[in-house]
Amino acid sequence: MLVRIVKMGFYRQNVDVFLESFENNKTKIRNSNGCTFLELYRDKNNPTILFTYSYWESDAQLQEYRQSKDFKTLWKTLKPLFSIRPEAWSFDKLETLD
C-alpha cells in the first residue's frame, strides 16, 4: 500500500474556492481505481495550508490517476490558487496500530 501526502498553500482568498472544488471532486478521487482512503486536513496554525492524505493500492494506480483527464482538469483549475509550490510525498505503509 502506498500513502500519498500532498501539502498545498493557498492565497487566503482562494481557500474557499479550493474547499468547494474538493467537495465537488472528493468522491470521484476516492472512487478512482486503486484509491482506498482519502482525507483532507488543514494546518491548525495557518488556515491557508491544507493537506490531502490518501491510500493507493499501488504506485501504478496513483500514476494512472495522475495521468487521467479528471486529474489534469482539476490540477489546471487549482494551480492558479496556490501561494506556494505544492509538495508531495509517497510512503510505503509498514504498520498500523489501532
PDB file of N, CA and C in Angstrom:
ATOM      1  N   MET A   1       0.836  -1.182   0.000  1.00  0.00           N
ATOM      2  CA  MET A   1       0.000   0.000   0.000  1.00  0.00           C
ATOM      3  C   MET A   1       0.873   1.234   0.000  1.00  0.00           C
ATOM      4  N   LEU A   2       0.470   2.226  -0.782  1.00  0.00           N
ATOM      5  CA  LEU A   2       1.173   3.489  -0.882  1.00  0.00           C
ATOM      6  C   LEU A   2       0.343   4.576  -0.202  1.00  0.00           C
ATOM      7  N   VAL A   3       1.000   5.372   0.610  1.00  0.00           N
ATOM      8  CA  VAL A   3       0.359   6.521   1.258  1.00  0.00           C
ATOM      9  C   VAL A   3       0.889   7.778   0.573  1.00  0.00           C
ATOM     10  N   ARG A   4      -0.014   8.645   0.179  1.00  0.00           N
ATOM     11  CA  ARG A   4       0.358   9.877  -0.526  1.00  0.00           C
ATOM     12  C   ARG A   4      -0.106  11.070   0.300  1.00  0.00           C
ATOM     13  N   ILE A   5       0.823  11.960   0.602  1.00  0.00           N
ATOM     14  CA  ILE A   5       0.515  13.190   1.328  1.00  0.00           C
ATOM     15  C   ILE A   5       0.914  14.361   0.432  1.00  0.00           C
ATOM     16  N   VAL A   6      -0.020  15.278   0.233  1.00  0.00           N
ATOM     17  CA  VAL A   6       0.242  16.456  -0.593  1.00  0.00           C
ATOM     18  C   VAL A   6      -0.040  17.703   0.245  1.00  0.00           C
ATOM     19  N   LYS A   7       0.959  18.576   0.330  1.00  0.00           N
ATOM     20  CA  LYS A   7       0.835  19.851   1.050  1.00  0.00           C
ATOM     21  C   LYS A   7       0.580  20.947   0.032  1.00  0.00           C
ATOM     22  N   MET A   8      -0.452  21.743   0.291  1.00  0.00           N
ATOM     23  CA  MET A   8      -0.811  22.839  -0.609  1.00  0.00           C
ATOM     24  C   MET A   8      -1.010  24.118   0.195  1.00  0.00           C
ATOM     25  N   GLY A   9      -0.448  25.205  -0.280  1.00  0.00           N
ATOM     26  CA  GLY A   9      -0.646  26.517   0.331  1.00  0.00           C
ATOM     27  C   GLY A   9      -1.420  27.390  -0.633  1.00  0.00           C
ATOM     28  N   PHE A  10      -2.424  28.073  -0.128  1.00  0.00           N
ATOM     29  CA  PHE A  10      -3.309  28.875  -0.968  1.00  0.00           C
ATOM     30  C   PHE A  10      -3.281  30.337  -0.552  1.00  0.00           C
ATOM     31  N   TYR A  11      -3.519  31.206  -1.528  1.00  0.00           N
ATOM     32  CA  TYR A  11      -3.795  32.586  -1.168  1.00  0.00           C
ATOM     33  C   TYR A  11      -5.084  32.584  -0.356  1.00  0.00           C
ATOM     34  N   ARG A  12      -5.122  33.395   0.670  1.00  0.00           N
ATOM     35  CA  ARG A  12      -6.257  33.400   1.611  1.00  0.00           C
ATOM     36  C   ARG A  12      -7.607  33.439   0.883  1.00  0.00           C
ATOM     37  N   GLN A  13      -7.717  34.271  -0.129  1.00  0.00           N
ATOM     38  CA  GLN A  13      -8.994  34.419  -0.839  1.00  0.00           C
ATOM     39  C   GLN A  13      -9.348  33.173  -1.657  1.00  0.00           C
ATOM     40  N   ASN A  14      -8.410  32.257  -1.824  1.00  0.00           N
ATOM     41  CA  ASN A  14      -8.663  31.065  -2.628  1.00  0.00           C
ATOM     42  C   ASN A  14      -8.957  29.806  -1.818  1.00  0.00           C
ATOM     43  N   VAL A  15      -8.856  29.887  -0.515  1.00  0.00           N
ATOM     44  CA  VAL A  15      -9.083  28.697   0.316  1.00  0.00           C
ATOM     45  C   VAL A  15     -10.500  28.160   0.109  1.00  0.00           C
ATOM     46  N   ASP A  16     -11.493  29.023   0.159  1.00  0.00           N
ATOM     47  CA  ASP A  16     -12.875  28.559  -0.024  1.00  0.00           C
ATOM     48  C   ASP A  16     -13.108  28.009  -1.427  1.00  0.00           C
ATOM     49  N   VAL A  17     -12.427  28.568  -2.411  1.00  0.00           N
ATOM     50  CA  VAL A  17     -12.529  28.055  -3.781  1.00  0.00           C
ATOM     51  C   VAL A  17     -11.996  26.621  -3.821  1.00  0.00           C
ATOM     52  N   PHE A  18     -10.845  26.397  -3.168  1.00  0.00           N
ATOM     53  CA  PHE A  18     -10.297  25.048  -3.115  1.00  0.00           C
ATOM     54  C   PHE A  18     -11.237  24.103  -2.370  1.00  0.00           C
ATOM     55  N   LEU A  19     -11.751  24.537  -1.227  1.00  0.00           N
ATOM     56  CA  LEU A  19     -12.632  23.664  -0.437  1.00  0.00           C
ATOM     57  C   LEU A  19     -13.876  23.267  -1.231  1.00  0.00           C
ATOM     58  N   GLU A  20     -14.414  24.186  -1.988  1.00  0.00           N
ATOM     59  CA  GLU A  20     -15.564  23.873  -2.828  1.00  0.00           C
ATOM     60  C   GLU A  20     -15.171  22.876  -3.922  1.00  0.00           C
ATOM     61  N   SER A  21     -14.015  23.075  -4.504  1.00  0.00           N
ATOM     62  CA  SER A  21     -13.533  22.163  -5.538  1.00  0.00           C
ATOM     63  C   SER A  21     -13.307  20.767  -4.961  1.00  0.00           C
ATOM     64  N   PHE A  22     -12.723  20.708  -3.764  1.00  0.00           N
ATOM     65  CA  PHE A  22     -12.510  19.404  -3.119  1.00  0.00           C
ATOM     66  C   PHE A  22     -13.850  18.726  -2.861  1.00  0.00           C
ATOM     67  N   GLU A  23     -14.800  19.477  -2.369  1.00  0.00           N
ATOM     68  CA  GLU A  23     -16.136  18.927  -2.103  1.00  0.00           C
ATOM     69  C   GLU A  23     -16.746  18.343  -3.382  1.00  0.00           C
ATOM     70  N   ASN A  24     -16.566  19.033  -4.483  1.00  0.00           N
ATOM     71  CA  ASN A  24     -17.142  18.593  -5.756  1.00  0.00           C
ATOM     72  C   ASN A  24     -16.407  17.412  -6.378  1.00  0.00           C
ATOM     73  N   ASN A  25     -15.156  17.184  -5.969  1.00  0.00           N
ATOM     74  CA  ASN A  25     -14.340  16.153  -6.611  1.00  0.00           C
ATOM     75  C   ASN A  25     -13.930  15.000  -5.706  1.00  0.00           C
ATOM     76  N   LYS A  26     -14.171  15.092  -4.416  1.00  0.00           N
ATOM     77  CA  LYS A  26     -13.657  14.091  -3.482  1.00  0.00           C
ATOM     78  C   LYS A  26     -14.179  12.682  -3.757  1.00  0.00           C
ATOM     79  N   THR A  27     -15.423  12.543  -4.114  1.00  0.00           N
ATOM     80  CA  THR A  27     -15.968  11.209  -4.392  1.00  0.00           C
ATOM     81  C   THR A  27     -15.335  10.612  -5.641  1.00  0.00           C
ATOM     82  N   LYS A  28     -15.139  11.442  -6.645  1.00  0.00           N
ATOM     83  CA  LYS A  28     -14.504  10.985  -7.884  1.00  0.00           C
ATOM     84  C   LYS A  28     -13.072  10.528  -7.605  1.00  0.00           C
ATOM     85  N   ILE A  29     -12.342  11.306  -6.787  1.00  0.00           N
ATOM     86  CA  ILE A  29     -10.967  10.935  -6.439  1.00  0.00           C
ATOM     87  C   ILE A  29     -10.975   9.632  -5.653  1.00  0.00           C
ATOM     88  N   ARG A  30     -11.809   9.570  -4.624  1.00  0.00           N
ATOM     89  CA  ARG A  30     -11.862   8.383  -3.763  1.00  0.00           C
ATOM     90  C   ARG A  30     -12.267   7.139  -4.542  1.00  0.00           C
ATOM     91  N   ASN A  31     -13.091   7.285  -5.560  1.00  0.00           N
ATOM     92  CA  ASN A  31     -13.538   6.152  -6.356  1.00  0.00           C
ATOM     93  C   ASN A  31     -12.607   5.829  -7.524  1.00  0.00           C
ATOM     94  N   SER A  32     -11.490   6.545  -7.625  1.00  0.00           N
ATOM     95  CA  SER A  32     -10.513   6.229  -8.662  1.00  0.00           C
ATOM     96  C   SER A  32      -9.945   4.840  -8.422  1.00  0.00           C
ATOM     97  N   ASN A  33      -9.624   4.170  -9.508  1.00  0.00           N
ATOM     98  CA  ASN A  33      -9.062   2.823  -9.429  1.00  0.00           C
ATOM     99  C   ASN A  33      -7.834   2.806  -8.518  1.00  0.00           C
ATOM    100  N   GLY A  34      -7.897   2.050  -7.442  1.00  0.00           N
ATOM    101  CA  GLY A  34      -6.766   1.904  -6.538  1.00  0.00           C
ATOM    102  C   GLY A  34      -6.783   2.795  -5.324  1.00  0.00           C
ATOM    103  N   CYS A  35      -7.619   3.826  -5.287  1.00  0.00           N
ATOM    104  CA  CYS A  35      -7.689   4.700  -4.117  1.00  0.00           C
ATOM    105  C   CYS A  35      -8.605   4.051  -3.082  1.00  0.00           C
ATOM    106  N   THR A  36      -8.079   3.811  -1.888  1.00  0.00           N
ATOM    107  CA  THR A  36      -8.865   3.143  -0.851  1.00  0.00           C
ATOM    108  C   THR A  36      -9.186   4.044   0.344  1.00  0.00           C
ATOM    109  N   PHE A  37      -8.636   5.284   0.344  1.00  0.00           N
ATOM    110  CA  PHE A  37      -8.825   6.158   1.504  1.00  0.00           C
ATOM    111  C   PHE A  37      -8.464   7.578   1.088  1.00  0.00           C
ATOM    112  N   LEU A  38      -9.214   8.565   1.572  1.00  0.00           N
ATOM    113  CA  LEU A  38      -8.922   9.966   1.260  1.00  0.00           C
ATOM    114  C   LEU A  38      -9.373  10.841   2.420  1.00  0.00           C
ATOM    115  N   GLU A  39      -8.468  11.716   2.856  1.00  0.00           N
ATOM    116  CA  GLU A  39      -8.806  12.696   3.882  1.00  0.00           C
ATOM    117  C   GLU A  39      -8.213  14.046   3.498  1.00  0.00           C
ATOM    118  N   LEU A  40      -8.795  15.099   4.076  1.00  0.00           N
ATOM    119  CA  LEU A  40      -8.306  16.460   3.886  1.00  0.00           C
ATOM    120  C   LEU A  40      -8.043  17.055   5.265  1.00  0.00           C
ATOM    121  N   TYR A  41      -6.883  17.688   5.421  1.00  0.00           N
ATOM    122  CA  TYR A  41      -6.502  18.315   6.684  1.00  0.00           C
ATOM    123  C   TYR A  41      -6.183  19.789   6.459  1.00  0.00           C
ATOM    124  N   ARG A  42      -6.386  20.577   7.523  1.00  0.00           N
ATOM    125  CA  ARG A  42      -5.995  21.996   7.499  1.00  0.00           C
ATOM    126  C   ARG A  42      -5.036  22.235   8.663  1.00  0.00           C
ATOM    127  N   ASP A  43      -3.965  22.949   8.399  1.00  0.00           N
ATOM    128  CA  ASP A  43      -2.986  23.276   9.433  1.00  0.00           C
ATOM    129  C   ASP A  43      -3.661  24.087  10.539  1.00  0.00           C
ATOM    130  N   LYS A  44      -3.396  23.737  11.779  1.00  0.00           N
ATOM    131  CA  LYS A  44      -4.028  24.413  12.907  1.00  0.00           C
ATOM    132  C   LYS A  44      -3.581  25.861  13.072  1.00  0.00           C
ATOM    133  N   ASN A  45      -2.349  26.139  12.692  1.00  0.00           N
ATOM    134  CA  ASN A  45      -1.798  27.478  12.896  1.00  0.00           C
ATOM    135  C   ASN A  45      -1.839  28.352  11.653  1.00  0.00           C
ATOM    136  N   ASN A  46      -2.071  27.746  10.495  1.00  0.00           N
ATOM    137  CA  ASN A  46      -2.113  28.518   9.253  1.00  0.00           C
ATOM    138  C   ASN A  46      -3.240  27.962   8.376  1.00  0.00           C
ATOM    139  N   PRO A  47      -4.394  28.603   8.405  1.00  0.00           N
ATOM    140  CA  PRO A  47      -5.562  28.063   7.684  1.00  0.00           C
ATOM    141  C   PRO A  47      -5.445  28.079   6.164  1.00  0.00           C
ATOM    142  N   THR A  48      -4.352  28.628   5.638  1.00  0.00           N
ATOM    143  CA  THR A  48      -4.162  28.619   4.181  1.00  0.00           C
ATOM    144  C   THR A  48      -3.354  27.405   3.716  1.00  0.00           C
ATOM    145  N   ILE A  49      -2.913  26.572   4.667  1.00  0.00           N
ATOM    146  CA  ILE A  49      -2.151  25.355   4.349  1.00  0.00           C
ATOM    147  C   ILE A  49      -3.064  24.154   4.547  1.00  0.00           C
ATOM    148  N   LEU A  50      -3.218  23.367   3.481  1.00  0.00           N
ATOM    149  CA  LEU A  50      -4.049  22.162   3.536  1.00  0.00           C
ATOM    150  C   LEU A  50      -3.255  20.974   3.016  1.00  0.00           C
ATOM    151  N   PHE A  51      -3.653  19.786   3.470  1.00  0.00           N
ATOM    152  CA  PHE A  51      -3.002  18.546   3.067  1.00  0.00           C
ATOM    153  C   PHE A  51      -4.059  17.546   2.624  1.00  0.00           C
ATOM    154  N   THR A  52      -3.766  16.811   1.582  1.00  0.00           N
ATOM    155  CA  THR A  52      -4.564  15.620   1.286  1.00  0.00           C
ATOM    156  C   THR A  52      -3.737  14.421   1.717  1.00  0.00           C
ATOM    157  N   TYR A  53      -4.446  13.408   2.172  1.00  0.00           N
ATOM    158  CA  TYR A  53      -3.843  12.182   2.690  1.00  0.00           C
ATOM    159  C   TYR A  53      -4.626  11.040   2.065  1.00  0.00           C
ATOM    160  N   SER A  54      -3.959  10.238   1.260  1.00  0.00           N
ATOM    161  CA  SER A  54      -4.686   9.180   0.562  1.00  0.00           C
ATOM    162  C   SER A  54      -3.896   7.877   0.561  1.00  0.00           C
ATOM    163  N   TYR A  55      -4.623   6.768   0.456  1.00  0.00           N
ATOM    164  CA  TYR A  55      -4.038   5.436   0.330  1.00  0.00           C
ATOM    165  C   TYR A  55      -4.315   4.942  -1.077  1.00  0.00           C
ATOM    166  N   TRP A  56      -3.295   4.319  -1.679  1.00  0.00           N
ATOM    167  CA  TRP A  56      -3.399   3.742  -3.008  1.00  0.00           C
ATOM    168  C   TRP A  56      -2.891   2.307  -2.953  1.00  0.00           C
ATOM    169  N   GLU A  57      -3.543   1.433  -3.681  1.00  0.00           N
ATOM    170  CA  GLU A  57      -3.125   0.032  -3.700  1.00  0.00           C
ATOM    171  C   GLU A  57      -1.726  -0.118  -4.285  1.00  0.00           C
ATOM    172  N   SER A  58      -1.354   0.757  -5.220  1.00  0.00           N
ATOM    173  CA  SER A  58      -0.016   0.696  -5.817  1.00  0.00           C
ATOM    174  C   SER A  58       0.364   2.054  -6.389  1.00  0.00           C
ATOM    175  N   ASP A  59       1.657   2.229  -6.589  1.00  0.00           N
ATOM    176  CA  ASP A  59       2.135   3.452  -7.229  1.00  0.00           C
ATOM    177  C   ASP A  59       1.606   3.538  -8.658  1.00  0.00           C
ATOM    178  N   ALA A  60       1.501   2.407  -9.332  1.00  0.00           N
ATOM    179  CA  ALA A  60       0.994   2.400 -10.712  1.00  0.00           C
ATOM    180  C   ALA A  60      -0.424   2.968 -10.767  1.00  0.00           C
ATOM    181  N   GLN A  61      -1.255   2.644  -9.781  1.00  0.00           N
ATOM    182  CA  GLN A  61      -2.634   3.153  -9.775  1.00  0.00           C
ATOM    183  C   GLN A  61      -2.667   4.645  -9.447  1.00  0.00           C
ATOM    184  N   LEU A  62      -1.786   5.105  -8.577  1.00  0.00           N
ATOM    185  CA  LEU A  62      -1.684   6.545  -8.317  1.00  0.00           C
ATOM    186  C   LEU A  62      -1.259   7.268  -9.595  1.00  0.00           C
ATOM    187  N   GLN A  63      -0.264   6.730 -10.285  1.00  0.00           N
ATOM    188  CA  GLN A  63       0.202   7.358 -11.516  1.00  0.00           C
ATOM    189  C   GLN A  63      -0.882   7.336 -12.598  1.00  0.00           C
ATOM    190  N   GLU A  64      -1.661   6.268 -12.631  1.00  0.00           N
ATOM    191  CA  GLU A  64      -2.787   6.192 -13.574  1.00  0.00           C
ATOM    192  C   GLU A  64      -3.770   7.334 -13.311  1.00  0.00           C
ATOM    193  N   TYR A  65      -4.072   7.564 -12.036  1.00  0.00           N
ATOM    194  CA  TYR A  65      -4.963   8.676 -11.670  1.00  0.00           C
ATOM    195  C   TYR A  65      -4.330  10.015 -12.062  1.00  0.00           C
ATOM    196  N   ARG A  66      -3.031  10.179 -11.786  1.00  0.00           N
ATOM    197  CA  ARG A  66      -2.357  11.449 -12.080  1.00  0.00           C
ATOM    198  C   ARG A  66      -2.292  11.734 -13.582  1.00  0.00           C
ATOM    199  N   GLN A  67      -2.409  10.706 -14.400  1.00  0.00           N
ATOM    200  CA  GLN A  67      -2.419  10.885 -15.859  1.00  0.00           C
ATOM    201  C   GLN A  67      -3.837  10.985 -16.431  1.00  0.00           C
ATOM    202  N   SER A  68      -4.835  10.858 -15.558  1.00  0.00           N
ATOM    203  CA  SER A  68      -6.230  10.861 -16.027  1.00  0.00           C
ATOM    204  C   SER A  68      -6.683  12.270 -16.421  1.00  0.00           C
ATOM    205  N   LYS A  69      -7.691  12.303 -17.255  1.00  0.00           N
ATOM    206  CA  LYS A  69      -8.295  13.574 -17.677  1.00  0.00           C
ATOM    207  C   LYS A  69      -8.846  14.326 -16.461  1.00  0.00           C
ATOM    208  N   ASP A  70      -9.485  13.586 -15.528  1.00  0.00           N
ATOM    209  CA  ASP A  70     -10.057  14.220 -14.336  1.00  0.00           C
ATOM    210  C   ASP A  70      -8.989  14.948 -13.528  1.00  0.00           C
ATOM    211  N   PHE A  71      -7.853  14.285 -13.294  1.00  0.00           N
ATOM    212  CA  PHE A  71      -6.793  14.908 -12.509  1.00  0.00           C
ATOM    213  C   PHE A  71      -6.232  16.126 -13.236  1.00  0.00           C
ATOM    214  N   LYS A  72      -5.961  15.982 -14.528  1.00  0.00           N
ATOM    215  CA  LYS A  72      -5.376  17.084 -15.281  1.00  0.00           C
ATOM    216  C   LYS A  72      -6.297  18.304 -15.308  1.00  0.00           C
ATOM    217  N   THR A  73      -7.590  18.065 -15.430  1.00  0.00           N
ATOM    218  CA  THR A  73      -8.556  19.163 -15.411  1.00  0.00           C
ATOM    219  C   THR A  73      -8.581  19.828 -14.035  1.00  0.00           C
ATOM    220  N   LEU A  74      -8.629  19.021 -12.981  1.00  0.00           N
ATOM    221  CA  LEU A  74      -8.656  19.552 -11.619  1.00  0.00           C
ATOM    222  C   LEU A  74      -7.379  20.332 -11.328  1.00  0.00           C
ATOM    223  N   TRP A  75      -6.233  19.769 -11.663  1.00  0.00           N
ATOM    224  CA  TRP A  75      -4.956  20.415 -11.363  1.00  0.00           C
ATOM    225  C   TRP A  75      -4.836  21.749 -12.088  1.00  0.00           C
ATOM    226  N   LYS A  76      -5.317  21.803 -13.330  1.00  0.00           N
ATOM    227  CA  LYS A  76      -5.277  23.051 -14.102  1.00  0.00           C
ATOM    228  C   LYS A  76      -6.112  24.128 -13.417  1.00  0.00           C
ATOM    229  N   THR A  77      -7.226  23.737 -12.818  1.00  0.00           N
ATOM    230  CA  THR A  77      -8.094  24.662 -12.096  1.00  0.00           C
ATOM    231  C   THR A  77      -7.444  25.134 -10.797  1.00  0.00           C
ATOM    232  N   LEU A  78      -6.755  24.222 -10.099  1.00  0.00           N
ATOM    233  CA  LEU A  78      -6.184  24.546  -8.788  1.00  0.00           C
ATOM    234  C   LEU A  78      -4.887  25.338  -8.868  1.00  0.00           C
ATOM    235  N   LYS A  79      -4.094  25.097  -9.881  1.00  0.00           N
ATOM    236  CA  LYS A  79      -2.755  25.687  -9.967  1.00  0.00           C
ATOM    237  C   LYS A  79      -2.715  27.195  -9.704  1.00  0.00           C
ATOM    238  N   PRO A  80      -3.621  27.986 -10.282  1.00  0.00           N
ATOM    239  CA  PRO A  80      -3.567  29.440 -10.025  1.00  0.00           C
ATOM    240  C   PRO A  80      -3.929  29.830  -8.583  1.00  0.00           C
ATOM    241  N   LEU A  81      -4.486  28.920  -7.824  1.00  0.00           N
ATOM    242  CA  LEU A  81      -4.918  29.227  -6.459  1.00  0.00           C
ATOM    243  C   LEU A  81      -3.773  29.147  -5.451  1.00  0.00           C
ATOM    244  N   PHE A  82      -2.667  28.493  -5.822  1.00  0.00           N
ATOM    245  CA  PHE A  82      -1.571  28.228  -4.886  1.00  0.00           C
ATOM    246  C   PHE A  82      -0.738  29.471  -4.604  1.00  0.00           C
ATOM    247  N   SER A  83      -0.374  29.639  -3.337  1.00  0.00           N
ATOM    248  CA  SER A  83       0.545  30.710  -2.941  1.00  0.00           C
ATOM    249  C   SER A  83       1.967  30.174  -2.808  1.00  0.00           C
ATOM    250  N   ILE A  84       2.106  28.872  -2.666  1.00  0.00           N
ATOM    251  CA  ILE A  84       3.412  28.215  -2.607  1.00  0.00           C
ATOM    252  C   ILE A  84       3.351  26.983  -3.500  1.00  0.00           C
ATOM    253  N   ARG A  85       4.503  26.518  -3.899  1.00  0.00           N
ATOM    254  CA  ARG A  85       4.560  25.314  -4.726  1.00  0.00           C
ATOM    255  C   ARG A  85       4.105  24.108  -3.902  1.00  0.00           C
ATOM    256  N   PRO A  86       3.165  23.334  -4.406  1.00  0.00           N
ATOM    257  CA  PRO A  86       2.722  22.135  -3.678  1.00  0.00           C
ATOM    258  C   PRO A  86       3.883  21.160  -3.503  1.00  0.00           C
ATOM    259  N   GLU A  87       3.837  20.418  -2.406  1.00  0.00           N
ATOM    260  CA  GLU A  87       4.823  19.380  -2.125  1.00  0.00           C
ATOM    261  C   GLU A  87       4.081  18.064  -1.956  1.00  0.00           C
ATOM    262  N   ALA A  88       4.686  16.988  -2.434  1.00  0.00           N
ATOM    263  CA  ALA A  88       4.050  15.680  -2.327  1.00  0.00           C
ATOM    264  C   ALA A  88       5.067  14.645  -1.866  1.00  0.00           C
ATOM    265  N   TRP A  89       4.593  13.734  -1.026  1.00  0.00           N
ATOM    266  CA  TRP A  89       5.412  12.646  -0.535  1.00  0.00           C
ATOM    267  C   TRP A  89       4.646  11.341  -0.727  1.00  0.00           C
ATOM    268  N   SER A  90       5.374  10.294  -1.084  1.00  0.00           N
ATOM    269  CA  SER A  90       4.792   8.960  -1.188  1.00  0.00           C
ATOM    270  C   SER A  90       5.539   8.043  -0.227  1.00  0.00           C
ATOM    271  N   PHE A  91       4.767   7.249   0.499  1.00  0.00           N
ATOM    272  CA  PHE A  91       5.339   6.352   1.513  1.00  0.00           C
ATOM    273  C   PHE A  91       4.797   4.944   1.325  1.00  0.00           C
ATOM    274  N   ASP A  92       5.614   3.967   1.678  1.00  0.00           N
ATOM    275  CA  ASP A  92       5.128   2.597   1.803  1.00  0.00           C
ATOM    276  C   ASP A  92       4.601   2.460   3.222  1.00  0.00           C
ATOM    277  N   LYS A  93       3.361   2.035   3.340  1.00  0.00           N
ATOM    278  CA  LYS A  93       2.762   1.843   4.660  1.00  0.00           C
ATOM    279  C   LYS A  93       3.313   0.546   5.257  1.00  0.00           C
ATOM    280  N   LEU A  94       3.932   0.658   6.412  1.00  0.00           N
ATOM    281  CA  LEU A  94       4.558  -0.505   7.047  1.00  0.00           C
ATOM    282  C   LEU A  94       3.711  -1.113   8.151  1.00  0.00           C
ATOM    283  N   GLU A  95       3.024  -0.253   8.912  1.00  0.00           N
ATOM    284  CA  GLU A  95       2.312  -0.778  10.072  1.00  0.00           C
ATOM    285  C   GLU A  95       1.237   0.191  10.525  1.00  0.00           C
ATOM    286  N   THR A  96       0.152  -0.343  11.058  1.00  0.00           N
ATOM    287  CA  THR A  96      -0.915   0.438  11.649  1.00  0.00           C
ATOM    288  C   THR A  96      -1.235  -0.143  13.022  1.00  0.00           C
ATOM    289  N   LEU A  97      -1.334   0.718  14.015  1.00  0.00           N
ATOM    290  CA  LEU A  97      -1.746   0.306  15.360  1.00  0.00           C
ATOM    291  C   LEU A  97      -3.091   0.920  15.645  1.00  0.00           C
ATOM    292  N   ASP A  98      -4.044   0.145  16.056  1.00  0.00           N
ATOM    293  CA  ASP A  98      -5.373   0.650  16.422  1.00  0.00           C
ATOM    294  C   ASP A  98      -5.517   0.768  17.916  1.00  0.00           C
TER     295      ASP A  98
END
